[in-house]
Amino acid sequence: MYTRRPPRTATAVPGTTTAVPGTATASRSGGGHRRARSRARTAAGLLATAALLVSACSSGSSTSTASAAGGTAALAALPQATPAALASYYGQKPAWRGCGVPGFECATVKAPLDYAEPAAGDVKLAVARKKATGPGQRLGSLLVNPGGPGGSAVGYVQQYAGIGYPAEVRARYDMVAVDPRGVARSEPVECLDGPGMDRYTQTDSTPDDVKETDGLVTAYRTFAEGCGADAPRLLRHVSTVEAARDMDIVRAALGDEKLNFVGASYGTFLGATYAGLFPKRAGRLVLDGAMDPSLPARRLNLEQTAGFDTAFRSFARDCVRRADCPLGGAGTEPEQAGKKLKAFFTRLDRRPAPTGDADGRRLTESLATTGVIAAMYDEGAWEQLREVLNAAMKDDDGSGLLALSDSYYERDADGAYSNLMFANAAVNCLDLPAAFDTPDEVRRALPQFEKASPVFGEGLAWASLNCAYWPVRATGEPHRIEARGAAPILVVGTTRDPATPYRWARALAGQLSSARLLTYEGDGHTAYGRGSSCIDRTINAYLLRGTPPPDGKRCS
């Protein structure tokens, strides 16, 4: 599965992943500031229905220790002293240079490919920053990550965070981003070319018979083999634990004693992992749209499926109050609206709709499902979703839903894809053992997934099969993160978040020994900078003054 900051809202063409042919998930917006942010940010990824976002300990990282509560191991902290074998990495001085974006400078920082064998080679990490503008005393660096896994943090800081975060935060902090290993500018994993990805995203992800099941399995195998052929060594070392260790090297290179960090969606798992490994170096950490690292892949995917159902029900309630809603009129219950949408998907499964696409693509069930899921991330996209559903359901025009799907997959007008989906699968499939190993296991689990979401359950269940064919064995396991000894950490959850269900925020806050839970009563994925002055004031106070809110504070 895939989680990330809300993708930009598509306009005519929206924060898991590469993994599932034709399914996706994203984020939200709302209000003037939220809409501006959506337009500015790079689509960091969708909730790729295929792999899991949570990872655990990987080779060369810390060990796990038995936890007194919860039944899963707890991530153990690394020694505070820097190992001699890593001294050269921690002693780097970045050579900053212009990078073509006014106000920003870029550098490359090296990290060991394998922390267990630092002499075996390096990974080059792309780093970008915009220095604090003042006035006021500089507070150090504030690293940001938009989620995914696979979202470009460098793109995010240059296109949104570095220019769109509250002015008082940008005045006091250097805004910094590092693309995690295997992502975007940091030695990106590549798996398929544009035409190959087009075929992959159009694959029938709700197989009705043996032939269609074999076609889906073939698509997963082809995708995985492409990733393995492109980066056979790197693919073994793109875990979240390794990315968190990389962030500590970047912290040292920036000259900061502690890491200050805002992570959204999957970025919360990355930030929490950092705190678990380096609790004494964790500064002011905001974990917005939190994930629960203690869950196995199947449970994560199932709960995320339920999260999308919650978001769809909110959309349906809003939709049926509008004159242009294609899912029913006033008084129509969400269940009935869902049945009408599911019937539309079934119709597309039999006969895809024309789109006018230059490459000849038609709107398949899988692409339509991805387009709808993309709009669930951000309630600011609901109006657009009504428009494109009307066009597709009433006029047999699939161009709008195709555009939403393309935005989710980060496909440009020339048919090229970013590496978002490739990196998403690479990290997810390394972080956790596969949710399912065989198609038969998926079939047995279908009733659970369809109960969690009558509209999306079938497709999301099959999407969870992709890691079964991954060329590299998972190195992580479900685990708790306690980060004992860390300063107060702010965990933020949204009650109707589609991609990271609110229960996950409560679970992570319950694990972290110093967590304060901040709740946003609302729709969409993540909360900071999305229109709630209560949320923004609370987070700004924490970042600027180190003042966390009372545990359990709620905003609307």
Protein backbone atom coordinates (compact mmCIF):
# COMPACT_ATOMS: atom_id res chain seq x y z
CA MET A 1 0.00 0.00 0.00
CA TYR A 2 1.05 3.52 -0.34
CA THR A 3 0.69 6.68 1.67
CA ARG A 4 1.85 10.18 1.05
CA ARG A 5 1.05 13.86 1.32
CA PRO A 6 -1.99 14.80 -0.75
CA PRO A 7 -1.20 14.91 -4.43
CA ARG A 8 -1.98 18.07 -6.27
CA THR A 9 -5.56 18.32 -7.41
CA ALA A 10 -5.72 17.55 -11.10
CA THR A 11 -7.50 20.13 -13.17
CA ALA A 12 -8.53 18.62 -16.40
CA VAL A 13 -6.06 16.47 -16.98
CA PRO A 14 -4.13 14.33 -6.66
CA GLY A 15 0.53 10.80 -0.07
CA THR A 16 0.47 3.58 -1.59
CA THR A 17 2.23 3.04 -4.95
CA THR A 18 3.69 1.37 -7.69
CA ALA A 19 2.57 -1.82 -6.83
CA VAL A 20 -0.90 -2.37 -7.89
CA PRO A 21 -1.99 -2.32 -11.41
CA GLY A 22 -4.70 0.21 -11.53
CA THR A 23 -5.15 1.14 -7.92
CA ALA A 24 -3.92 4.06 -5.94
CA THR A 25 -4.46 6.44 -3.07
CA ALA A 26 -3.39 9.96 -2.24
CA SER A 27 -4.25 12.94 0.02
CA ARG A 28 -6.39 16.00 0.62
CA SER A 29 -6.77 19.76 0.65
CA GLY A 30 -9.33 22.37 1.49
CA GLY A 31 -9.43 26.10 2.08
CA GLY A 32 -7.31 28.68 0.30
CA HIS A 33 -4.02 27.65 1.89
CA ARG A 34 -4.74 23.99 1.33
CA ARG A 35 -5.54 24.48 -2.33
CA ALA A 36 -2.41 26.55 -2.86
CA ARG A 37 -0.41 23.85 -1.24
CA SER A 38 -1.99 21.13 -3.36
CA ARG A 39 -1.13 22.98 -6.54
CA ALA A 40 2.44 23.60 -5.43
CA ARG A 41 3.38 20.21 -4.12
CA THR A 42 4.67 17.39 -6.23
CA ALA A 43 2.47 14.34 -6.17
CA ALA A 44 4.43 12.24 -3.84
CA GLY A 45 2.60 9.12 -4.53
CA LEU A 46 -0.60 7.35 -4.07
CA LEU A 47 -1.57 4.84 -1.65
CA ALA A 48 -0.23 2.15 -3.69
CA THR A 49 -2.43 -0.76 -3.28
CA ALA A 50 0.30 -3.06 -3.68
CA ALA A 51 2.84 -3.07 -0.97
CA LEU A 52 3.14 -2.04 2.59
CA LEU A 53 4.47 1.13 3.88
CA VAL A 54 5.73 0.03 7.19
CA SER A 55 9.10 -1.54 7.53
CA ALA A 56 11.16 -2.84 10.33
CA CYS A 57 14.76 -3.60 11.12
CA SER A 58 16.90 -4.42 8.12
CA SER A 59 20.39 -5.71 7.67
CA GLY A 60 23.03 -3.49 9.15
CA SER A 61 20.56 -1.72 11.42
CA SER A 62 19.70 -1.96 15.07
CA THR A 63 18.30 -5.09 16.58
CA SER A 64 14.86 -5.50 18.07
CA THR A 65 14.21 -6.21 21.71
CA ALA A 66 11.29 -7.87 23.39
CA SER A 67 8.56 -5.43 24.32
CA ALA A 68 6.64 -5.66 27.54
CA ALA A 69 3.43 -4.76 25.75
CA GLY A 70 1.86 -5.41 22.42
CA GLY A 71 3.36 -8.81 21.54
CA THR A 72 5.78 -7.42 18.95
CA ALA A 73 9.42 -6.54 19.33
CA ALA A 74 10.48 -2.97 19.96
CA LEU A 75 13.00 -1.20 17.76
CA ALA A 76 16.22 -0.89 19.75
CA ALA A 77 18.30 2.28 19.81
CA LEU A 78 21.74 2.31 18.25
CA PRO A 79 24.80 3.21 20.34
CA GLN A 80 25.26 6.97 20.67
CA ALA A 81 28.92 6.84 19.74
CA THR A 82 29.63 6.92 15.99
CA PRO A 83 31.30 3.69 14.85
CA ALA A 84 34.81 4.22 13.50
CA ALA A 85 33.78 2.67 10.17
CA LEU A 86 31.22 5.47 9.70
CA ALA A 87 33.40 8.38 10.83
CA SER A 88 34.17 9.55 7.29
CA TYR A 89 30.47 9.70 6.46
CA TYR A 90 29.65 11.69 9.58
CA GLY A 91 32.50 14.09 8.89
CA GLN A 92 31.30 15.18 5.43
CA LYS A 93 31.02 18.86 4.53
CA PRO A 94 28.45 19.30 1.74
CA ALA A 95 29.53 21.31 -1.30
CA TRP A 96 26.45 23.49 -1.81
CA ARG A 97 25.66 24.76 -5.29
CA GLY A 98 22.77 26.33 -7.13
CA CYS A 99 20.20 23.87 -8.41
CA GLY A 100 18.05 25.87 -10.81
CA VAL A 101 15.34 26.84 -8.31
CA PRO A 102 15.60 30.40 -7.00
CA GLY A 103 16.49 30.56 -3.31
CA PHE A 104 17.52 26.91 -3.05
CA GLU A 105 20.91 25.22 -3.03
CA CYS A 106 21.70 21.56 -3.50
CA ALA A 107 24.41 19.10 -2.51
CA THR A 108 25.20 15.41 -2.50
CA VAL A 109 25.87 13.49 0.71
CA LYS A 110 27.25 9.95 0.73
CA ALA A 111 26.01 7.08 2.87
CA PRO A 112 27.16 3.45 2.97
CA LEU A 113 25.19 1.13 0.72
CA ASP A 114 25.27 -1.50 3.47
CA TYR A 115 25.64 -0.34 7.07
CA ALA A 116 26.84 -3.81 8.01
CA GLU A 117 29.70 -3.46 5.50
CA PRO A 118 30.48 0.25 5.07
CA ALA A 119 33.46 -0.48 2.83
CA ALA A 120 31.25 -2.21 0.25
CA GLY A 121 30.26 1.00 -1.55
CA ASP A 122 28.27 4.20 -1.26
CA VAL A 123 24.84 5.59 -2.02
CA LYS A 124 24.67 9.22 -3.16
CA LEU A 125 21.86 11.16 -1.53
CA ALA A 126 20.41 14.33 -3.06
CA VAL A 127 19.91 17.13 -0.52
CA ALA A 128 18.29 20.54 -1.04
CA ARG A 129 17.84 23.46 1.32
CA LYS A 130 16.55 27.00 1.54
CA LYS A 131 18.25 28.93 4.30
CA ALA A 132 16.31 30.65 7.05
CA THR A 133 15.12 34.06 5.98
CA GLY A 134 14.88 35.72 9.41
CA PRO A 135 14.08 37.65 11.46
CA GLY A 136 14.65 35.80 14.71
CA GLN A 137 17.25 33.41 16.00
CA ARG A 138 17.93 30.49 13.67
CA LEU A 139 16.70 27.19 15.10
CA GLY A 140 18.71 24.91 12.81
CA SER A 141 17.49 22.71 9.98
CA LEU A 142 13.95 21.38 9.52
CA LEU A 143 13.90 18.27 7.37
CA VAL A 144 10.65 17.46 5.59
CA ASN A 145 9.37 14.30 3.92
CA PRO A 146 6.03 14.06 2.03
CA GLY A 147 5.58 10.29 2.31
CA GLY A 148 5.18 7.47 -0.16
CA PRO A 149 7.44 5.69 0.20
CA GLY A 150 8.74 7.08 -3.05
CA GLY A 151 7.71 10.72 -2.80
CA SER A 152 10.50 13.16 -3.64
CA ALA A 153 11.34 15.21 -0.57
CA VAL A 154 13.54 17.48 -2.69
CA GLY A 155 10.66 18.18 -5.07
CA TYR A 156 8.37 18.74 -2.11
CA VAL A 157 10.61 21.28 -0.36
CA GLN A 158 11.28 23.17 -3.59
CA GLN A 159 7.69 23.26 -4.78
CA TYR A 160 5.82 23.57 -1.51
CA ALA A 161 7.44 23.37 1.93
CA GLY A 162 10.28 25.80 1.25
CA ILE A 163 7.90 28.47 -0.03
CA GLY A 164 4.52 27.46 1.44
CA TYR A 165 5.19 26.55 5.08
CA PRO A 166 4.23 29.32 7.53
CA ALA A 167 6.52 32.32 7.14
CA GLU A 168 7.47 32.27 10.83
CA VAL A 169 8.72 28.68 10.48
CA ARG A 170 10.72 29.44 7.32
CA ALA A 171 12.18 32.50 9.03
CA ARG A 172 13.75 30.45 11.82
CA TYR A 173 14.64 27.17 10.13
CA ASP A 174 16.70 26.19 7.12
CA MET A 175 14.15 24.17 5.12
CA VAL A 176 15.90 20.93 4.10
CA ALA A 177 14.98 17.77 2.23
CA VAL A 178 16.83 14.60 1.31
CA ASP A 179 15.48 12.13 -1.21
CA PRO A 180 15.71 8.70 0.46
CA ARG A 181 17.91 6.11 -1.20
CA GLY A 182 16.30 4.72 -4.35
CA VAL A 183 13.95 7.72 -4.67
CA ALA A 184 13.88 10.50 -7.29
CA ARG A 185 17.33 12.13 -7.31
CA SER A 186 19.01 9.64 -4.94
CA GLU A 187 19.98 6.78 -7.26
CA PRO A 188 16.37 6.07 -8.28
CA VAL A 189 15.16 2.53 -8.79
CA GLU A 190 13.66 2.03 -12.26
CA CYS A 191 11.49 -0.93 -13.23
CA LEU A 192 9.51 -0.40 -16.45
CA ASP A 193 9.59 2.05 -19.33
CA GLY A 194 6.56 4.21 -20.17
CA PRO A 195 4.76 1.71 -22.43
CA GLY A 196 5.49 -1.04 -19.91
CA MET A 197 3.95 1.01 -17.11
CA ASP A 198 0.94 1.78 -19.29
CA ARG A 199 0.35 -1.95 -19.70
CA TYR A 200 0.90 -2.52 -15.98
CA THR A 201 -1.55 0.14 -14.82
CA GLN A 202 -4.23 -1.17 -17.20
CA THR A 203 -3.95 -4.77 -16.00
CA ASP A 204 -7.24 -6.15 -14.71
CA SER A 205 -6.82 -6.01 -10.92
CA THR A 206 -10.10 -7.83 -10.12
CA PRO A 207 -9.60 -11.13 -11.97
CA ASP A 208 -12.73 -13.14 -12.71
CA ASP A 209 -11.12 -16.37 -13.89
CA VAL A 210 -7.85 -18.29 -14.18
CA LYS A 211 -6.76 -16.45 -17.32
CA GLU A 212 -7.21 -13.03 -15.75
CA THR A 213 -5.53 -14.19 -12.54
CA ASP A 214 -2.54 -15.42 -14.54
CA GLY A 215 -2.43 -12.06 -16.31
CA LEU A 216 -2.27 -10.20 -13.01
CA VAL A 217 0.45 -12.49 -11.66
CA THR A 218 2.42 -12.01 -14.88
CA ALA A 219 2.14 -8.24 -14.49
CA TYR A 220 3.49 -8.42 -10.93
CA ARG A 221 6.33 -10.70 -12.00
CA THR A 222 7.28 -8.47 -14.93
CA PHE A 223 7.31 -5.41 -12.70
CA ALA A 224 9.43 -7.12 -10.05
CA GLU A 225 11.87 -8.55 -12.57
CA GLY A 226 12.35 -5.11 -14.08
CA CYS A 227 13.22 -3.65 -10.69
CA GLY A 228 15.62 -6.50 -9.97
CA ALA A 229 17.39 -6.12 -13.28
CA ASP A 230 17.80 -2.36 -12.83
CA ALA A 231 19.26 -2.26 -9.31
CA PRO A 232 20.17 -5.74 -8.03
CA ARG A 233 22.40 -4.44 -5.20
CA LEU A 234 20.53 -1.29 -4.23
CA LEU A 235 17.24 -3.18 -4.07
CA ARG A 236 18.55 -5.00 -0.98
CA HIS A 237 19.29 -1.73 0.80
CA VAL A 238 16.35 0.66 0.47
CA SER A 239 14.66 -0.13 3.79
CA THR A 240 13.18 2.52 6.04
CA VAL A 241 15.73 1.74 8.75
CA GLU A 242 18.56 2.45 6.32
CA ALA A 243 16.88 5.66 5.14
CA ALA A 244 16.54 6.76 8.78
CA ARG A 245 20.23 6.08 9.37
CA ASP A 246 20.99 8.14 6.27
CA MET A 247 19.08 11.04 7.83
CA ASP A 248 21.42 10.97 10.81
CA ILE A 249 24.40 11.33 8.48
CA VAL A 250 22.66 14.27 6.80
CA ARG A 251 21.95 15.79 10.25
CA ALA A 252 25.65 15.65 11.07
CA ALA A 253 26.63 17.05 7.67
CA LEU A 254 24.30 20.01 8.29
CA GLY A 255 25.97 20.67 11.64
CA ASP A 256 22.86 20.07 13.75
CA GLU A 257 23.05 18.39 17.15
CA LYS A 258 19.49 17.14 16.86
CA LEU A 259 17.14 16.33 13.99
CA ASN A 260 14.05 18.49 13.58
CA PHE A 261 11.60 16.90 11.19
CA VAL A 262 8.09 17.12 9.72
CA GLY A 263 7.01 13.86 8.12
CA ALA A 264 3.68 13.25 6.43
CA SER A 265 2.07 9.88 5.84
CA TYR A 266 4.84 7.32 5.27
CA GLY A 267 7.17 10.10 6.42
CA THR A 268 5.80 9.49 9.92
CA PHE A 269 7.16 5.97 9.84
CA LEU A 270 10.52 7.30 8.67
CA GLY A 271 10.56 9.91 11.44
CA ALA A 272 9.43 7.49 14.13
CA THR A 273 12.10 5.03 13.03
CA TYR A 274 14.71 7.77 13.37
CA ALA A 275 13.49 8.49 16.90
CA GLY A 276 13.63 4.79 17.76
CA LEU A 277 17.21 4.45 16.50
CA PHE A 278 18.50 7.79 17.80
CA PRO A 279 16.22 8.90 20.66
CA LYS A 280 18.77 11.30 22.15
CA ARG A 281 19.20 13.03 18.78
CA ALA A 282 15.48 13.44 18.11
CA GLY A 283 14.59 17.12 18.30
CA ARG A 284 11.17 18.50 17.38
CA LEU A 285 9.43 15.79 15.38
CA VAL A 286 5.98 16.25 13.81
CA LEU A 287 4.48 12.99 12.53
CA ASP A 288 1.37 13.94 10.52
CA GLY A 289 -0.94 11.22 9.17
CA ALA A 290 0.72 8.58 11.29
CA MET A 291 1.35 4.93 10.52
CA ASP A 292 1.35 2.01 12.95
CA PRO A 293 4.64 0.06 12.59
CA SER A 294 3.40 -2.85 14.70
CA LEU A 295 1.00 -4.18 12.05
CA PRO A 296 1.80 -6.91 9.51
CA ALA A 297 1.27 -6.17 5.82
CA ARG A 298 -2.10 -7.87 5.46
CA ARG A 299 -3.56 -6.05 8.46
CA LEU A 300 -2.16 -2.73 7.22
CA ASN A 301 -3.71 -3.20 3.81
CA LEU A 302 -7.03 -4.29 5.29
CA GLU A 303 -7.22 -1.29 7.62
CA GLN A 304 -6.22 1.06 4.84
CA THR A 305 -8.99 -0.43 2.72
CA ALA A 306 -11.43 0.44 5.50
CA GLY A 307 -9.94 3.94 5.60
CA PHE A 308 -10.74 4.47 1.94
CA ASP A 309 -14.25 3.26 2.57
CA THR A 310 -14.63 5.83 5.34
CA ALA A 311 -13.43 8.53 2.95
CA PHE A 312 -15.77 7.35 0.19
CA ARG A 313 -18.75 7.43 2.53
CA SER A 314 -17.91 11.06 3.38
CA PHE A 315 -17.65 11.87 -0.30
CA ALA A 316 -20.94 10.08 -1.03
CA ARG A 317 -22.81 11.98 1.70
CA ASP A 318 -21.56 15.23 0.25
CA CYS A 319 -22.15 14.17 -3.35
CA VAL A 320 -25.82 13.23 -3.03
CA ARG A 321 -26.61 16.71 -1.70
CA ARG A 322 -25.41 18.18 -5.02
CA ALA A 323 -27.51 18.49 -8.13
CA ASP A 324 -24.74 17.05 -10.32
CA CYS A 325 -24.07 13.91 -8.28
CA PRO A 326 -24.06 10.83 -10.56
CA LEU A 327 -24.38 8.43 -7.61
CA GLY A 328 -27.89 9.36 -6.47
CA GLY A 329 -30.05 12.20 -5.22
CA ALA A 330 -30.79 13.68 -1.81
CA GLY A 331 -31.39 11.01 0.79
CA THR A 332 -29.40 8.32 -1.03
CA GLU A 333 -27.40 6.34 1.53
CA PRO A 334 -23.64 5.83 1.05
CA GLU A 335 -24.23 2.09 0.60
CA GLN A 336 -26.47 2.73 -2.41
CA ALA A 337 -24.05 5.25 -3.86
CA GLY A 338 -21.30 2.67 -3.47
CA LYS A 339 -23.33 0.05 -5.29
CA LYS A 340 -23.85 2.42 -8.19
CA LEU A 341 -20.13 3.19 -8.40
CA LYS A 342 -19.24 -0.50 -8.17
CA ALA A 343 -21.70 -1.25 -10.98
CA PHE A 344 -19.94 1.38 -13.09
CA PHE A 345 -16.57 -0.27 -12.41
CA THR A 346 -18.07 -3.63 -13.44
CA ARG A 347 -19.33 -2.07 -16.67
CA LEU A 348 -15.82 -0.82 -17.43
CA ASP A 349 -14.44 -4.28 -16.75
CA ARG A 350 -16.60 -5.53 -19.63
CA ARG A 351 -16.19 -2.49 -21.90
CA PRO A 352 -13.57 0.19 -21.20
CA ALA A 353 -14.60 3.75 -22.03
CA PRO A 354 -12.95 5.91 -24.70
CA THR A 355 -10.68 8.70 -23.49
CA GLY A 356 -9.23 10.36 -26.59
CA ASP A 357 -5.77 9.50 -25.26
CA ALA A 358 -2.97 10.01 -27.79
CA ASP A 359 -1.53 6.61 -26.91
CA GLY A 360 -4.82 4.84 -27.42
CA ARG A 361 -5.51 4.05 -23.77
CA ARG A 362 -9.13 3.46 -22.77
CA LEU A 363 -10.54 3.83 -19.27
CA THR A 364 -10.39 0.38 -17.71
CA GLU A 365 -11.84 -0.64 -14.38
CA SER A 366 -8.38 -0.50 -12.82
CA LEU A 367 -7.61 3.02 -14.10
CA ALA A 368 -11.04 4.31 -13.05
CA THR A 369 -10.63 2.87 -9.56
CA THR A 370 -7.24 4.56 -9.25
CA GLY A 371 -8.73 7.87 -10.35
CA VAL A 372 -11.48 7.70 -7.74
CA ILE A 373 -9.09 6.66 -4.97
CA ALA A 374 -6.78 9.55 -5.87
CA ALA A 375 -9.59 12.01 -5.22
CA MET A 376 -10.27 10.47 -1.80
CA TYR A 377 -7.03 11.96 -0.44
CA ASP A 378 -8.29 15.50 -0.61
CA GLU A 379 -11.85 16.72 -0.17
CA GLY A 380 -10.85 19.66 -2.33
CA ALA A 381 -10.93 17.21 -5.26
CA TRP A 382 -14.54 16.10 -4.66
CA GLU A 383 -16.04 18.64 -7.04
CA GLN A 384 -13.70 17.52 -9.78
CA LEU A 385 -14.51 13.89 -9.05
CA ARG A 386 -18.24 14.55 -9.48
CA GLU A 387 -17.52 16.19 -12.83
CA VAL A 388 -15.38 13.38 -14.22
CA LEU A 389 -17.73 10.68 -12.90
CA ASN A 390 -20.61 12.40 -14.66
CA ALA A 391 -18.65 12.50 -17.89
CA ALA A 392 -17.71 8.84 -17.65
CA MET A 393 -20.96 7.39 -16.33
CA LYS A 394 -23.39 9.45 -18.42
CA ASP A 395 -21.43 10.47 -21.53
CA ASP A 396 -18.99 7.55 -21.84
CA ASP A 397 -16.06 9.99 -21.65
CA GLY A 398 -13.26 8.50 -19.58
CA SER A 399 -10.71 11.29 -20.12
CA GLY A 400 -11.21 12.97 -16.74
CA LEU A 401 -10.84 9.82 -14.67
CA LEU A 402 -7.82 8.86 -16.75
CA ALA A 403 -6.25 12.23 -15.92
CA LEU A 404 -6.80 11.66 -12.20
CA SER A 405 -5.20 8.24 -12.50
CA ASP A 406 -2.23 9.66 -14.42
CA SER A 407 -1.75 12.29 -11.73
CA TYR A 408 -1.74 9.59 -9.10
CA TYR A 409 0.85 7.54 -10.97
CA GLU A 410 2.86 10.66 -11.87
CA ARG A 411 2.61 10.01 -15.62
CA ASP A 412 3.39 13.03 -17.75
CA ALA A 413 1.90 14.08 -21.09
CA ASP A 414 4.72 12.34 -22.97
CA GLY A 415 3.92 8.99 -21.37
CA ALA A 416 6.89 8.96 -19.00
CA TYR A 417 6.46 8.00 -15.33
CA SER A 418 8.38 9.24 -12.31
CA ASN A 419 10.07 6.61 -10.16
CA LEU A 420 7.44 7.02 -7.44
CA MET A 421 5.78 3.65 -7.96
CA PHE A 422 9.07 1.82 -8.41
CA ALA A 423 10.51 3.16 -5.16
CA ASN A 424 7.23 2.56 -3.38
CA ALA A 425 7.26 -1.14 -4.11
CA ALA A 426 11.01 -1.44 -3.48
CA VAL A 427 10.72 -0.02 0.04
CA ASN A 428 7.44 -1.68 0.96
CA CYS A 429 8.47 -5.14 -0.18
CA LEU A 430 11.72 -4.89 1.80
CA ASP A 431 10.16 -3.45 4.94
CA LEU A 432 7.58 -6.20 5.54
CA PRO A 433 6.93 -9.77 4.44
CA ALA A 434 4.32 -10.00 1.69
CA ALA A 435 0.67 -9.71 2.68
CA PHE A 436 -0.18 -12.73 0.50
CA ASP A 437 1.97 -15.41 -1.10
CA THR A 438 -0.51 -16.88 -3.61
CA PRO A 439 -3.70 -15.96 -5.47
CA ASP A 440 -5.57 -18.58 -3.45
CA GLU A 441 -4.70 -16.70 -0.25
CA VAL A 442 -6.16 -13.53 -1.76
CA ARG A 443 -9.37 -15.30 -2.72
CA ARG A 444 -9.82 -16.60 0.82
CA ALA A 445 -9.35 -13.06 2.18
CA LEU A 446 -11.70 -11.38 -0.30
CA PRO A 447 -14.75 -11.46 2.04
CA GLN A 448 -12.77 -9.55 4.69
CA PHE A 449 -11.61 -6.90 2.24
CA GLU A 450 -15.03 -6.55 0.61
CA LYS A 451 -16.59 -6.13 4.04
CA ALA A 452 -14.03 -3.40 4.81
CA SER A 453 -14.95 -1.67 1.54
CA PRO A 454 -17.65 -2.97 -0.81
CA VAL A 455 -16.40 -0.52 -3.46
CA PHE A 456 -12.61 -0.87 -3.25
CA GLY A 457 -12.06 -4.07 -1.26
CA GLU A 458 -11.68 -6.53 -4.13
CA GLY A 459 -9.13 -4.45 -6.01
CA LEU A 460 -7.12 -3.56 -2.92
CA ALA A 461 -6.98 -7.20 -1.83
CA TRP A 462 -5.49 -8.26 -5.16
CA ALA A 463 -3.14 -5.28 -5.06
CA SER A 464 -1.71 -6.68 -1.85
CA LEU A 465 -0.30 -9.67 -3.77
CA ASN A 466 2.48 -7.78 -5.55
CA CYS A 467 5.28 -8.34 -3.02
CA ALA A 468 4.85 -12.11 -3.34
CA TYR A 469 6.95 -11.97 -6.51
CA TRP A 470 9.60 -9.52 -5.34
CA PRO A 471 13.18 -10.57 -6.24
CA VAL A 472 14.55 -9.66 -2.77
CA ARG A 473 13.46 -11.15 0.54
CA ALA A 474 12.00 -8.78 3.11
CA THR A 475 14.43 -7.76 5.85
CA GLY A 476 11.87 -6.11 8.14
CA GLU A 477 9.15 -7.35 10.47
CA PRO A 478 6.29 -5.63 12.30
CA HIS A 479 7.59 -3.92 15.45
CA ARG A 480 6.83 -1.32 18.05
CA ILE A 481 8.69 1.98 18.26
CA GLU A 482 9.08 3.37 21.77
CA ALA A 483 12.02 5.81 21.42
CA ARG A 484 12.63 5.91 25.16
CA GLY A 485 14.54 9.03 26.17
CA ALA A 486 13.37 11.13 23.22
CA ALA A 487 12.05 14.66 23.70
CA PRO A 488 8.28 15.13 23.22
CA ILE A 489 7.14 13.96 19.76
CA LEU A 490 3.97 15.34 18.16
CA VAL A 491 1.79 12.69 16.49
CA VAL A 492 -1.06 14.04 14.34
CA GLY A 493 -4.09 12.07 13.17
CA THR A 494 -7.16 12.95 11.08
CA THR A 495 -10.39 11.22 12.03
CA ARG A 496 -11.51 10.41 8.46
CA ASP A 497 -8.10 10.00 6.86
CA PRO A 498 -8.37 7.56 3.93
CA ALA A 499 -4.73 6.47 3.63
CA THR A 500 -3.57 6.41 7.26
CA PRO A 501 -6.61 5.58 9.40
CA TYR A 502 -6.95 7.54 12.62
CA ARG A 503 -6.48 4.37 14.65
CA TRP A 504 -2.88 4.28 13.44
CA ALA A 505 -2.15 7.69 14.95
CA ARG A 506 -3.57 6.56 18.27
CA ALA A 507 -1.51 3.35 18.06
CA LEU A 508 1.77 5.12 17.28
CA ALA A 509 1.16 7.70 20.01
CA GLY A 510 0.57 4.82 22.41
CA GLN A 511 3.91 3.23 21.49
CA LEU A 512 6.17 6.31 21.54
CA SER A 513 7.13 6.98 25.14
CA SER A 514 7.11 10.77 24.76
CA ALA A 515 4.30 11.22 22.22
CA ARG A 516 1.57 13.84 22.35
CA LEU A 517 -1.46 13.03 20.18
CA LEU A 518 -3.04 15.90 18.25
CA THR A 519 -6.35 15.09 16.51
CA TYR A 520 -7.96 16.83 13.53
CA GLU A 521 -11.71 16.19 13.25
CA GLY A 522 -12.13 16.15 9.50
CA ASP A 523 -11.65 14.61 6.08
CA GLY A 524 -8.60 14.03 3.96
CA HIS A 525 -5.04 12.85 4.40
CA THR A 526 -2.78 14.72 6.89
CA ALA A 527 -3.65 17.94 8.73
CA TYR A 528 -0.82 20.52 8.84
CA GLY A 529 -1.26 23.41 6.44
CA ARG A 530 -4.64 22.18 5.27
CA GLY A 531 -6.92 24.88 6.55
CA SER A 532 -7.30 24.32 10.29
CA SER A 533 -5.92 27.32 12.16
CA CYS A 534 -6.06 25.29 15.38
CA ILE A 535 -3.82 22.58 13.92
CA ASP A 536 -1.42 25.07 12.38
CA ARG A 537 -1.08 27.19 15.53
CA THR A 538 -0.44 24.11 17.63
CA ILE A 539 2.22 22.68 15.34
CA ASN A 540 3.88 26.08 14.83
CA ALA A 541 4.12 26.59 18.60
CA TYR A 542 5.81 23.22 18.93
CA LEU A 543 8.27 23.86 16.09
CA LEU A 544 9.14 27.41 17.13
CA ARG A 545 9.06 27.22 20.92
CA GLY A 546 9.33 23.51 21.61
CA THR A 547 5.95 23.67 23.34
CA PRO A 548 3.93 20.50 22.72
CA PRO A 549 0.16 20.56 23.22
CA PRO A 550 -1.56 18.61 25.98
CA ASP A 551 -1.88 14.97 24.99
CA GLY A 552 -5.25 14.38 23.33
CA LYS A 553 -5.83 17.95 22.08
CA ARG A 554 -8.49 18.03 19.34
CA CYS A 555 -9.02 20.54 16.51
CA SER A 556 -11.57 20.99 13.74
